[in-house]
Amino acid sequence: MHKLAIALLLLTPALVCSSLNAGTMVRDYPAMKISPHTWVIEGPLGYPSVENQGFMNNPAFVITGEGVVVIDPGSSVQAGRMVLKQLKEITDKPVTHVLDTHVHGDHWLGNQAISEAYPEAEFLAHPEMIRRARDFAADRWLQIMEDSTEGFTSGTRAVVPETSIDDGKTLETGGIHFRIYAPGAAHSGTDIMIEVVEDKLLFLGDNVTYKRLPRLNDATFKGSINACDVALNTDAGTFVPGHGPVGGREIVEAYKTYLASLYELASKYYEEDLADFEMKPKIVEALNSYADWVNFEDEVGRHISLAILEYEGSM
């Protein structure tokens, strides 16, 4: 038999299995109105998994005089379809724009669903997010989501934003102004925060999470702390974290305190010649008020190691 035919036969069972496991839409999560123009879907906390179908961020939509602006439509085409279903229960206006807060695919791979339903919609993100997504991040995140959900997100394609938007820019549409903040070297190096000016509301992306600790492999502590300060210096009264419940200033302050405390303690114990595993029990005790945050046990040790590396690099 021809070698190509044999190879295709060998691949077929895996492809069939992935196809059988693929879902059509993430289970319903209700949209919650949080300001005059803005609705948010608070996703479950934790890592992407079979149980949560890979959906664990906070998609949102803002209804303007001309249409709808969607922010972070989720981790897959299946998540994006669910977001659209909730949106259509509230308005029949078309989606005109999509804003993606950063390159991590659990926030933006839902773009595909929006693009299919509204092909005229404009997709916007930080220029570095666009570059990284095109270079390598899109394929990496497609694989992460498919592996984590055992094929539920199969069929998702990466619809990478084509329009860049950066710090200090404002998108105006339908009488609503979306002001962009892009603090450098924060959560991913590709981050934007989005202020809905008329609603005094700020979308934080993963520059801030609440009741759930994120991976910080692409982050810096000092940059993330600065992003918290940028957020607190806006006129916003309502804050939407990338993961976790919506709230007021207290959610930004809680996350900033975690970052600053961990970095300060790791630096102090490093100067005392403690290894990371020696300082960990002391830091965990000091951060006991965060022990009930999702992923604390998984992430705090890694955060200590990353803080030490950053402190060493600053010397």
C-alpha atoms as a PDB file:
ATOM      1  CA  MET A   1       0.000   0.000   0.000  1.00  0.00           C
ATOM      2  CA  HIS A   2       1.228   3.529  -0.751  1.00  0.00           C
ATOM      3  CA  LYS A   3       2.988   5.081   2.254  1.00  0.00           C
ATOM      4  CA  LEU A   4       0.723   8.158   2.249  1.00  0.00           C
ATOM      5  CA  ALA A   5      -2.398   5.962   2.326  1.00  0.00           C
ATOM      6  CA  ILE A   6      -0.994   4.000   5.268  1.00  0.00           C
ATOM      7  CA  ALA A   7      -0.205   7.218   7.133  1.00  0.00           C
ATOM      8  CA  LEU A   8      -3.735   8.497   6.598  1.00  0.00           C
ATOM      9  CA  LEU A   9      -5.205   5.254   7.862  1.00  0.00           C
ATOM     10  CA  LEU A  10      -3.089   5.494  10.993  1.00  0.00           C
ATOM     11  CA  LEU A  11      -4.202   9.076  11.611  1.00  0.00           C
ATOM     12  CA  THR A  12      -7.908   8.444  11.012  1.00  0.00           C
ATOM     13  CA  PRO A  13      -8.796   6.944  14.453  1.00  0.00           C
ATOM     14  CA  ALA A  14      -7.315   9.967  16.268  1.00  0.00           C
ATOM     15  CA  LEU A  15      -9.148  12.383  13.991  1.00  0.00           C
ATOM     16  CA  VAL A  16     -12.434  10.519  14.418  1.00  0.00           C
ATOM     17  CA  CYS A  17     -11.989  10.438  18.198  1.00  0.00           C
ATOM     18  CA  SER A  18     -11.345  14.190  18.322  1.00  0.00           C
ATOM     19  CA  SER A  19     -14.372  14.830  16.114  1.00  0.00           C
ATOM     20  CA  LEU A  20     -16.627  12.685  18.296  1.00  0.00           C
ATOM     21  CA  ASN A  21     -15.506  14.500  21.457  1.00  0.00           C
ATOM     22  CA  ALA A  22     -15.993  17.975  19.982  1.00  0.00           C
ATOM     23  CA  GLY A  23     -18.859  20.025  21.360  1.00  0.00           C
ATOM     24  CA  THR A  24     -21.138  22.439  19.560  1.00  0.00           C
ATOM     25  CA  MET A  25     -21.586  24.968  22.372  1.00  0.00           C
ATOM     26  CA  VAL A  26     -20.456  25.458  25.966  1.00  0.00           C
ATOM     27  CA  ARG A  27     -23.251  24.977  28.505  1.00  0.00           C
ATOM     28  CA  ASP A  28     -25.180  28.145  29.318  1.00  0.00           C
ATOM     29  CA  TYR A  29     -23.859  30.737  31.742  1.00  0.00           C
ATOM     30  CA  PRO A  30     -26.146  33.743  32.259  1.00  0.00           C
ATOM     31  CA  ALA A  31     -25.149  37.289  31.374  1.00  0.00           C
ATOM     32  CA  MET A  32     -25.303  39.744  34.286  1.00  0.00           C
ATOM     33  CA  LYS A  33     -25.954  43.448  33.788  1.00  0.00           C
ATOM     34  CA  ILE A  34     -23.316  45.372  35.735  1.00  0.00           C
ATOM     35  CA  SER A  35     -23.708  48.920  34.389  1.00  0.00           C
ATOM     36  CA  PRO A  36     -26.074  50.848  32.085  1.00  0.00           C
ATOM     37  CA  HIS A  37     -24.572  49.432  28.863  1.00  0.00           C
ATOM     38  CA  THR A  38     -22.513  46.418  29.989  1.00  0.00           C
ATOM     39  CA  TRP A  39     -23.184  42.732  30.625  1.00  0.00           C
ATOM     40  CA  VAL A  40     -20.665  40.167  31.890  1.00  0.00           C
ATOM     41  CA  ILE A  41     -20.716  36.367  31.923  1.00  0.00           C
ATOM     42  CA  GLU A  42     -18.730  35.245  34.958  1.00  0.00           C
ATOM     43  CA  GLY A  43     -17.029  31.997  34.020  1.00  0.00           C
ATOM     44  CA  PRO A  44     -16.083  29.224  36.449  1.00  0.00           C
ATOM     45  CA  LEU A  45     -12.692  29.412  38.136  1.00  0.00           C
ATOM     46  CA  GLY A  46      -9.771  27.041  37.705  1.00  0.00           C
ATOM     47  CA  TYR A  47      -7.765  25.677  34.808  1.00  0.00           C
ATOM     48  CA  PRO A  48      -9.374  24.603  31.489  1.00  0.00           C
ATOM     49  CA  SER A  49     -10.733  21.081  31.867  1.00  0.00           C
ATOM     50  CA  VAL A  50     -13.239  18.534  30.668  1.00  0.00           C
ATOM     51  CA  GLU A  51     -15.571  19.621  33.476  1.00  0.00           C
ATOM     52  CA  ASN A  52     -15.662  23.308  32.535  1.00  0.00           C
ATOM     53  CA  GLN A  53     -15.437  22.589  28.774  1.00  0.00           C
ATOM     54  CA  GLY A  54     -12.437  24.920  28.618  1.00  0.00           C
ATOM     55  CA  PHE A  55     -14.531  27.943  29.604  1.00  0.00           C
ATOM     56  CA  MET A  56     -13.191  29.919  32.566  1.00  0.00           C
ATOM     57  CA  ASN A  57     -12.881  33.616  31.710  1.00  0.00           C
ATOM     58  CA  ASN A  58     -15.287  36.569  31.925  1.00  0.00           C
ATOM     59  CA  PRO A  59     -16.644  37.420  28.448  1.00  0.00           C
ATOM     60  CA  ALA A  60     -18.588  40.656  28.217  1.00  0.00           C
ATOM     61  CA  PHE A  61     -20.537  42.811  25.819  1.00  0.00           C
ATOM     62  CA  VAL A  62     -21.324  46.506  25.739  1.00  0.00           C
ATOM     63  CA  ILE A  63     -24.417  47.673  23.871  1.00  0.00           C
ATOM     64  CA  THR A  64     -23.917  50.975  22.058  1.00  0.00           C
ATOM     65  CA  GLY A  65     -26.187  53.111  19.931  1.00  0.00           C
ATOM     66  CA  GLU A  66     -24.955  51.344  16.782  1.00  0.00           C
ATOM     67  CA  GLY A  67     -24.327  47.771  17.883  1.00  0.00           C
ATOM     68  CA  VAL A  68     -22.440  45.603  20.318  1.00  0.00           C
ATOM     69  CA  VAL A  69     -18.794  45.571  21.393  1.00  0.00           C
ATOM     70  CA  VAL A  70     -17.712  42.150  22.660  1.00  0.00           C
ATOM     71  CA  ILE A  71     -14.750  41.808  25.013  1.00  0.00           C
ATOM     72  CA  ASP A  72     -12.854  38.502  25.392  1.00  0.00           C
ATOM     73  CA  PRO A  73     -15.394  36.058  23.893  1.00  0.00           C
ATOM     74  CA  GLY A  74     -13.815  32.978  25.465  1.00  0.00           C
ATOM     75  CA  SER A  75     -11.572  30.021  24.802  1.00  0.00           C
ATOM     76  CA  SER A  76     -13.126  28.305  21.775  1.00  0.00           C
ATOM     77  CA  VAL A  77     -15.692  28.544  19.031  1.00  0.00           C
ATOM     78  CA  GLN A  78     -17.979  26.620  21.399  1.00  0.00           C
ATOM     79  CA  ALA A  79     -17.555  29.294  24.101  1.00  0.00           C
ATOM     80  CA  GLY A  80     -18.085  32.076  21.583  1.00  0.00           C
ATOM     81  CA  ARG A  81     -21.366  30.518  20.479  1.00  0.00           C
ATOM     82  CA  MET A  82     -22.584  30.460  24.049  1.00  0.00           C
ATOM     83  CA  VAL A  83     -21.644  34.132  24.471  1.00  0.00           C
ATOM     84  CA  LEU A  84     -23.601  34.997  21.323  1.00  0.00           C
ATOM     85  CA  LYS A  85     -26.619  33.059  22.580  1.00  0.00           C
ATOM     86  CA  GLN A  86     -26.679  35.125  25.787  1.00  0.00           C
ATOM     87  CA  LEU A  87     -26.173  38.330  23.819  1.00  0.00           C
ATOM     88  CA  LYS A  88     -29.060  37.601  21.466  1.00  0.00           C
ATOM     89  CA  GLU A  89     -31.399  37.114  24.414  1.00  0.00           C
ATOM     90  CA  ILE A  90     -30.746  40.749  25.335  1.00  0.00           C
ATOM     91  CA  THR A  91     -30.426  42.580  22.002  1.00  0.00           C
ATOM     92  CA  ASP A  92     -30.804  42.027  18.278  1.00  0.00           C
ATOM     93  CA  LYS A  93     -28.124  44.610  17.471  1.00  0.00           C
ATOM     94  CA  PRO A  94     -25.142  43.325  15.478  1.00  0.00           C
ATOM     95  CA  VAL A  95     -21.648  42.914  16.873  1.00  0.00           C
ATOM     96  CA  THR A  96     -19.550  45.741  15.430  1.00  0.00           C
ATOM     97  CA  HIS A  97     -16.274  45.300  17.324  1.00  0.00           C
ATOM     98  CA  VAL A  98     -14.395  42.710  19.381  1.00  0.00           C
ATOM     99  CA  LEU A  99     -11.638  43.706  21.819  1.00  0.00           C
ATOM    100  CA  ASP A 100      -9.218  41.013  23.018  1.00  0.00           C
ATOM    101  CA  THR A 101      -7.337  41.877  26.205  1.00  0.00           C
ATOM    102  CA  HIS A 102      -4.217  39.730  25.668  1.00  0.00           C
ATOM    103  CA  VAL A 103      -2.649  36.794  23.864  1.00  0.00           C
ATOM    104  CA  HIS A 104      -3.663  33.944  26.176  1.00  0.00           C
ATOM    105  CA  GLY A 105      -6.131  31.921  24.141  1.00  0.00           C
ATOM    106  CA  ASP A 106      -8.631  31.217  26.916  1.00  0.00           C
ATOM    107  CA  HIS A 107      -9.762  34.818  26.332  1.00  0.00           C
ATOM    108  CA  TRP A 108      -9.909  35.211  22.542  1.00  0.00           C
ATOM    109  CA  LEU A 109     -10.280  31.904  20.645  1.00  0.00           C
ATOM    110  CA  GLY A 110     -14.027  32.515  20.779  1.00  0.00           C
ATOM    111  CA  ASN A 111     -13.418  35.149  18.086  1.00  0.00           C
ATOM    112  CA  GLN A 112     -14.262  32.510  15.501  1.00  0.00           C
ATOM    113  CA  ALA A 113     -17.913  32.362  16.550  1.00  0.00           C
ATOM    114  CA  ILE A 114     -18.250  36.135  16.332  1.00  0.00           C
ATOM    115  CA  SER A 115     -16.540  36.244  12.944  1.00  0.00           C
ATOM    116  CA  GLU A 116     -18.852  33.581  11.532  1.00  0.00           C
ATOM    117  CA  ALA A 117     -22.009  35.303  12.785  1.00  0.00           C
ATOM    118  CA  TYR A 118     -20.882  38.873  12.057  1.00  0.00           C
ATOM    119  CA  PRO A 119     -18.256  38.867   9.296  1.00  0.00           C
ATOM    120  CA  GLU A 120     -18.175  42.679   9.193  1.00  0.00           C
ATOM    121  CA  ALA A 121     -17.099  42.965  12.848  1.00  0.00           C
ATOM    122  CA  GLU A 122     -13.707  44.563  13.502  1.00  0.00           C
ATOM    123  CA  PHE A 123     -11.298  42.695  15.804  1.00  0.00           C
ATOM    124  CA  LEU A 124      -8.830  44.769  17.851  1.00  0.00           C
ATOM    125  CA  ALA A 125      -5.945  43.982  20.217  1.00  0.00           C
ATOM    126  CA  HIS A 126      -2.534  45.173  21.358  1.00  0.00           C
ATOM    127  CA  PRO A 127      -0.035  45.075  18.451  1.00  0.00           C
ATOM    128  CA  GLU A 128       2.219  42.662  20.334  1.00  0.00           C
ATOM    129  CA  MET A 129      -0.737  40.337  20.930  1.00  0.00           C
ATOM    130  CA  ILE A 130      -1.375  40.268  17.190  1.00  0.00           C
ATOM    131  CA  ARG A 131       2.284  39.575  16.410  1.00  0.00           C
ATOM    132  CA  ARG A 132       2.631  36.750  18.941  1.00  0.00           C
ATOM    133  CA  ALA A 133      -0.673  35.154  17.974  1.00  0.00           C
ATOM    134  CA  ARG A 134       0.407  35.042  14.339  1.00  0.00           C
ATOM    135  CA  ASP A 135       3.895  33.778  15.159  1.00  0.00           C
ATOM    136  CA  PHE A 136       3.251  30.917  17.572  1.00  0.00           C
ATOM    137  CA  ALA A 137       0.733  31.580  20.345  1.00  0.00           C
ATOM    138  CA  ALA A 138      -2.438  30.779  18.400  1.00  0.00           C
ATOM    139  CA  ASP A 139      -1.361  27.236  17.531  1.00  0.00           C
ATOM    140  CA  ARG A 140      -0.040  26.666  21.036  1.00  0.00           C
ATOM    141  CA  TRP A 141      -3.290  27.739  22.661  1.00  0.00           C
ATOM    142  CA  LEU A 142      -5.466  25.778  20.259  1.00  0.00           C
ATOM    143  CA  GLN A 143      -3.556  22.673  21.330  1.00  0.00           C
ATOM    144  CA  ILE A 144      -3.728  23.549  25.031  1.00  0.00           C
ATOM    145  CA  MET A 145      -7.487  23.937  24.908  1.00  0.00           C
ATOM    146  CA  GLU A 146      -8.076  20.779  22.899  1.00  0.00           C
ATOM    147  CA  ASP A 147      -5.829  18.694  25.143  1.00  0.00           C
ATOM    148  CA  SER A 148      -7.292  20.145  28.357  1.00  0.00           C
ATOM    149  CA  THR A 149     -10.870  19.408  27.283  1.00  0.00           C
ATOM    150  CA  GLU A 150     -10.112  16.036  25.660  1.00  0.00           C
ATOM    151  CA  GLY A 151     -11.303  17.284  22.297  1.00  0.00           C
ATOM    152  CA  PHE A 152     -14.358  19.342  23.284  1.00  0.00           C
ATOM    153  CA  THR A 153     -12.922  22.488  21.657  1.00  0.00           C
ATOM    154  CA  SER A 154     -11.928  20.664  18.473  1.00  0.00           C
ATOM    155  CA  GLY A 155     -12.844  22.621  15.346  1.00  0.00           C
ATOM    156  CA  THR A 156     -11.822  25.957  16.798  1.00  0.00           C
ATOM    157  CA  ARG A 157      -9.793  28.149  14.438  1.00  0.00           C
ATOM    158  CA  ALA A 158      -7.706  31.119  15.468  1.00  0.00           C
ATOM    159  CA  VAL A 159      -9.257  34.354  14.223  1.00  0.00           C
ATOM    160  CA  VAL A 160      -6.434  36.752  15.036  1.00  0.00           C
ATOM    161  CA  PRO A 161      -7.334  40.451  15.356  1.00  0.00           C
ATOM    162  CA  GLU A 162      -6.191  42.589  12.438  1.00  0.00           C
ATOM    163  CA  THR A 163      -6.507  46.067  13.959  1.00  0.00           C
ATOM    164  CA  SER A 164      -4.018  47.153  16.608  1.00  0.00           C
ATOM    165  CA  ILE A 165      -4.981  49.443  19.461  1.00  0.00           C
ATOM    166  CA  ASP A 166      -2.538  50.665  22.070  1.00  0.00           C
ATOM    167  CA  ASP A 167      -2.086  52.779  25.161  1.00  0.00           C
ATOM    168  CA  GLY A 168      -3.895  56.118  25.139  1.00  0.00           C
ATOM    169  CA  LYS A 169      -6.127  55.307  22.178  1.00  0.00           C
ATOM    170  CA  THR A 170      -9.909  55.547  22.315  1.00  0.00           C
ATOM    171  CA  LEU A 171     -12.451  53.611  20.286  1.00  0.00           C
ATOM    172  CA  GLU A 172     -15.687  55.560  19.907  1.00  0.00           C
ATOM    173  CA  THR A 173     -18.743  53.779  18.567  1.00  0.00           C
ATOM    174  CA  GLY A 174     -22.455  54.384  19.008  1.00  0.00           C
ATOM    175  CA  GLY A 175     -21.912  57.127  21.559  1.00  0.00           C
ATOM    176  CA  ILE A 176     -19.764  54.990  23.863  1.00  0.00           C
ATOM    177  CA  HIS A 177     -16.034  55.588  24.397  1.00  0.00           C
ATOM    178  CA  PHE A 178     -13.609  52.736  25.067  1.00  0.00           C
ATOM    179  CA  ARG A 179     -10.357  54.148  26.456  1.00  0.00           C
ATOM    180  CA  ILE A 180      -7.311  51.874  26.264  1.00  0.00           C
ATOM    181  CA  TYR A 181      -4.579  51.435  28.866  1.00  0.00           C
ATOM    182  CA  ALA A 182      -1.593  49.259  28.002  1.00  0.00           C
ATOM    183  CA  PRO A 183       0.831  49.104  30.928  1.00  0.00           C
ATOM    184  CA  GLY A 184       4.054  47.493  29.745  1.00  0.00           C
ATOM    185  CA  ALA A 185       5.388  44.128  30.939  1.00  0.00           C
ATOM    186  CA  ALA A 186       2.389  43.354  33.120  1.00  0.00           C
ATOM    187  CA  HIS A 187       0.605  39.999  32.842  1.00  0.00           C
ATOM    188  CA  SER A 188       1.754  38.962  29.374  1.00  0.00           C
ATOM    189  CA  GLY A 189       3.452  41.859  27.623  1.00  0.00           C
ATOM    190  CA  THR A 190       0.461  42.005  25.272  1.00  0.00           C
ATOM    191  CA  ASP A 191      -2.149  43.438  27.628  1.00  0.00           C
ATOM    192  CA  ILE A 192      -4.765  46.123  27.281  1.00  0.00           C
ATOM    193  CA  MET A 193      -7.248  47.309  29.877  1.00  0.00           C
ATOM    194  CA  ILE A 194     -10.457  48.837  28.545  1.00  0.00           C
ATOM    195  CA  GLU A 195     -12.374  51.623  30.236  1.00  0.00           C
ATOM    196  CA  VAL A 196     -16.022  52.059  29.272  1.00  0.00           C
ATOM    197  CA  VAL A 197     -15.980  55.767  29.983  1.00  0.00           C
ATOM    198  CA  GLU A 198     -19.723  56.430  30.164  1.00  0.00           C
ATOM    199  CA  ASP A 199     -20.207  53.483  32.566  1.00  0.00           C
ATOM    200  CA  LYS A 200     -17.153  54.242  34.775  1.00  0.00           C
ATOM    201  CA  LEU A 201     -16.145  50.633  34.308  1.00  0.00           C
ATOM    202  CA  LEU A 202     -12.756  49.044  33.619  1.00  0.00           C
ATOM    203  CA  PHE A 203     -12.017  45.669  32.035  1.00  0.00           C
ATOM    204  CA  LEU A 204      -8.748  44.537  33.600  1.00  0.00           C
ATOM    205  CA  GLY A 205      -7.908  41.466  31.534  1.00  0.00           C
ATOM    206  CA  ASP A 206      -5.591  39.177  33.483  1.00  0.00           C
ATOM    207  CA  ASN A 207      -3.656  42.132  34.869  1.00  0.00           C
ATOM    208  CA  VAL A 208      -5.974  41.476  37.816  1.00  0.00           C
ATOM    209  CA  THR A 209      -7.700  38.278  38.849  1.00  0.00           C
ATOM    210  CA  TYR A 210      -9.854  37.860  41.944  1.00  0.00           C
ATOM    211  CA  LYS A 211     -10.432  34.800  44.104  1.00  0.00           C
ATOM    212  CA  ARG A 212      -8.254  32.898  41.638  1.00  0.00           C
ATOM    213  CA  LEU A 213      -4.484  33.028  41.136  1.00  0.00           C
ATOM    214  CA  PRO A 214      -3.206  33.007  37.557  1.00  0.00           C
ATOM    215  CA  ARG A 215      -0.083  31.565  36.032  1.00  0.00           C
ATOM    216  CA  LEU A 216       2.560  34.292  35.907  1.00  0.00           C
ATOM    217  CA  ASN A 217       5.053  32.652  33.562  1.00  0.00           C
ATOM    218  CA  ASP A 218       4.782  35.562  31.083  1.00  0.00           C
ATOM    219  CA  ALA A 219       4.374  38.253  33.744  1.00  0.00           C
ATOM    220  CA  THR A 220       6.529  40.540  35.849  1.00  0.00           C
ATOM    221  CA  PHE A 221       5.668  41.419  39.436  1.00  0.00           C
ATOM    222  CA  LYS A 222       6.691  45.048  39.137  1.00  0.00           C
ATOM    223  CA  GLY A 223       4.822  45.460  35.855  1.00  0.00           C
ATOM    224  CA  SER A 224       1.713  43.794  37.268  1.00  0.00           C
ATOM    225  CA  ILE A 225       1.798  45.997  40.359  1.00  0.00           C
ATOM    226  CA  ASN A 226       2.089  49.037  38.105  1.00  0.00           C
ATOM    227  CA  ALA A 227      -0.928  47.827  36.094  1.00  0.00           C
ATOM    228  CA  CYS A 228      -2.920  47.700  39.340  1.00  0.00           C
ATOM    229  CA  ASP A 229      -1.901  51.290  40.064  1.00  0.00           C
ATOM    230  CA  VAL A 230      -2.917  52.367  36.562  1.00  0.00           C
ATOM    231  CA  ALA A 231      -6.334  50.760  37.112  1.00  0.00           C
ATOM    232  CA  LEU A 232      -6.798  52.394  40.506  1.00  0.00           C
ATOM    233  CA  ASN A 233      -5.939  55.799  39.061  1.00  0.00           C
ATOM    234  CA  THR A 234      -8.803  55.710  36.547  1.00  0.00           C
ATOM    235  CA  ASP A 235     -12.285  57.066  37.227  1.00  0.00           C
ATOM    236  CA  ALA A 236     -13.749  53.569  37.225  1.00  0.00           C
ATOM    237  CA  GLY A 237     -15.907  52.402  40.084  1.00  0.00           C
ATOM    238  CA  THR A 238     -16.637  48.926  38.696  1.00  0.00           C
ATOM    239  CA  PHE A 239     -13.858  46.511  37.748  1.00  0.00           C
ATOM    240  CA  VAL A 240     -14.057  43.329  35.689  1.00  0.00           C
ATOM    241  CA  PRO A 241     -11.134  40.952  36.297  1.00  0.00           C
ATOM    242  CA  GLY A 242     -10.020  38.445  33.696  1.00  0.00           C
ATOM    243  CA  HIS A 243     -11.105  35.666  36.059  1.00  0.00           C
ATOM    244  CA  GLY A 244     -13.247  35.922  39.184  1.00  0.00           C
ATOM    245  CA  PRO A 245     -16.167  38.003  40.429  1.00  0.00           C
ATOM    246  CA  VAL A 246     -16.806  41.571  39.316  1.00  0.00           C
ATOM    247  CA  GLY A 247     -16.377  44.172  42.044  1.00  0.00           C
ATOM    248  CA  GLY A 248     -15.095  47.550  43.127  1.00  0.00           C
ATOM    249  CA  ARG A 249     -11.640  48.872  43.947  1.00  0.00           C
ATOM    250  CA  GLU A 250     -11.210  46.161  46.547  1.00  0.00           C
ATOM    251  CA  ILE A 251     -10.566  43.480  43.920  1.00  0.00           C
ATOM    252  CA  VAL A 252      -7.663  45.432  42.433  1.00  0.00           C
ATOM    253  CA  GLU A 253      -6.281  46.243  45.857  1.00  0.00           C
ATOM    254  CA  ALA A 254      -6.481  42.591  46.959  1.00  0.00           C
ATOM    255  CA  TYR A 255      -4.532  41.344  43.964  1.00  0.00           C
ATOM    256  CA  LYS A 256      -1.966  44.154  44.219  1.00  0.00           C
ATOM    257  CA  THR A 257      -1.411  43.299  47.889  1.00  0.00           C
ATOM    258  CA  TYR A 258      -0.806  39.649  47.006  1.00  0.00           C
ATOM    259  CA  LEU A 259       1.754  40.529  44.340  1.00  0.00           C
ATOM    260  CA  ALA A 260       3.552  43.161  46.407  1.00  0.00           C
ATOM    261  CA  SER A 261       3.650  41.050  49.569  1.00  0.00           C
ATOM    262  CA  LEU A 262       4.958  37.956  47.819  1.00  0.00           C
ATOM    263  CA  TYR A 263       7.621  39.881  45.903  1.00  0.00           C
ATOM    264  CA  GLU A 264       8.759  41.799  48.994  1.00  0.00           C
ATOM    265  CA  LEU A 265       8.985  38.650  51.123  1.00  0.00           C
ATOM    266  CA  ALA A 266      10.753  36.612  48.435  1.00  0.00           C
ATOM    267  CA  SER A 267      13.286  39.426  48.016  1.00  0.00           C
ATOM    268  CA  LYS A 268      13.813  39.683  51.785  1.00  0.00           C
ATOM    269  CA  TYR A 269      14.357  35.965  52.270  1.00  0.00           C
ATOM    270  CA  TYR A 270      16.607  35.804  49.207  1.00  0.00           C
ATOM    271  CA  GLU A 271      18.846  38.402  50.868  1.00  0.00           C
ATOM    272  CA  GLU A 272      18.880  36.135  53.929  1.00  0.00           C
ATOM    273  CA  ASP A 273      20.206  33.305  51.707  1.00  0.00           C
ATOM    274  CA  LEU A 274      17.077  31.162  51.939  1.00  0.00           C
ATOM    275  CA  ALA A 275      16.297  28.871  49.017  1.00  0.00           C
ATOM    276  CA  ASP A 276      12.834  28.994  47.503  1.00  0.00           C
ATOM    277  CA  PHE A 277      11.711  25.805  49.261  1.00  0.00           C
ATOM    278  CA  GLU A 278      12.939  27.199  52.596  1.00  0.00           C
ATOM    279  CA  MET A 279      11.095  30.483  52.266  1.00  0.00           C
ATOM    280  CA  LYS A 280       7.871  28.973  50.929  1.00  0.00           C
ATOM    281  CA  PRO A 281       6.332  27.977  54.317  1.00  0.00           C
ATOM    282  CA  LYS A 282       7.003  31.458  55.707  1.00  0.00           C
ATOM    283  CA  ILE A 283       5.468  33.186  52.672  1.00  0.00           C
ATOM    284  CA  VAL A 284       2.457  30.854  52.582  1.00  0.00           C
ATOM    285  CA  GLU A 285       1.806  31.646  56.238  1.00  0.00           C
ATOM    286  CA  ALA A 286       2.056  35.372  55.577  1.00  0.00           C
ATOM    287  CA  LEU A 287      -0.366  35.062  52.654  1.00  0.00           C
ATOM    288  CA  ASN A 288      -2.846  32.910  54.568  1.00  0.00           C
ATOM    289  CA  SER A 289      -5.740  35.232  53.681  1.00  0.00           C
ATOM    290  CA  TYR A 290      -5.359  34.081  50.043  1.00  0.00           C
ATOM    291  CA  ALA A 291      -5.319  30.364  50.840  1.00  0.00           C
ATOM    292  CA  ASP A 292      -8.931  29.925  49.692  1.00  0.00           C
ATOM    293  CA  TRP A 293      -8.258  31.479  46.277  1.00  0.00           C
ATOM    294  CA  VAL A 294      -8.537  28.924  43.493  1.00  0.00           C
ATOM    295  CA  ASN A 295      -5.112  27.610  42.351  1.00  0.00           C
ATOM    296  CA  PHE A 296      -3.309  28.929  45.471  1.00  0.00           C
ATOM    297  CA  GLU A 297      -1.702  25.574  46.252  1.00  0.00           C
ATOM    298  CA  ASP A 298      -0.710  25.051  42.615  1.00  0.00           C
ATOM    299  CA  GLU A 299       0.692  28.498  41.923  1.00  0.00           C
ATOM    300  CA  VAL A 300       2.178  30.039  45.050  1.00  0.00           C
ATOM    301  CA  GLY A 301       5.396  28.002  44.862  1.00  0.00           C
ATOM    302  CA  ARG A 302       5.877  28.903  41.209  1.00  0.00           C
ATOM    303  CA  HIS A 303       5.186  32.551  42.003  1.00  0.00           C
ATOM    304  CA  ILE A 304       7.936  32.521  44.633  1.00  0.00           C
ATOM    305  CA  SER A 305      10.433  31.080  42.159  1.00  0.00           C
ATOM    306  CA  LEU A 306       9.464  33.681  39.546  1.00  0.00           C
ATOM    307  CA  ALA A 307       9.760  36.491  42.096  1.00  0.00           C
ATOM    308  CA  ILE A 308      13.280  35.359  42.981  1.00  0.00           C
ATOM    309  CA  LEU A 309      14.285  35.312  39.307  1.00  0.00           C
ATOM    310  CA  GLU A 310      12.885  38.795  38.793  1.00  0.00           C
ATOM    311  CA  TYR A 311      14.638  40.119  41.896  1.00  0.00           C
ATOM    312  CA  GLU A 312      17.943  38.578  40.789  1.00  0.00           C
ATOM    313  CA  GLY A 313      17.506  40.168  37.390  1.00  0.00           C
ATOM    314  CA  SER A 314      17.019  43.600  38.931  1.00  0.00           C
ATOM    315  CA  MET A 315      20.288  43.502  40.915  1.00  0.00           C
END
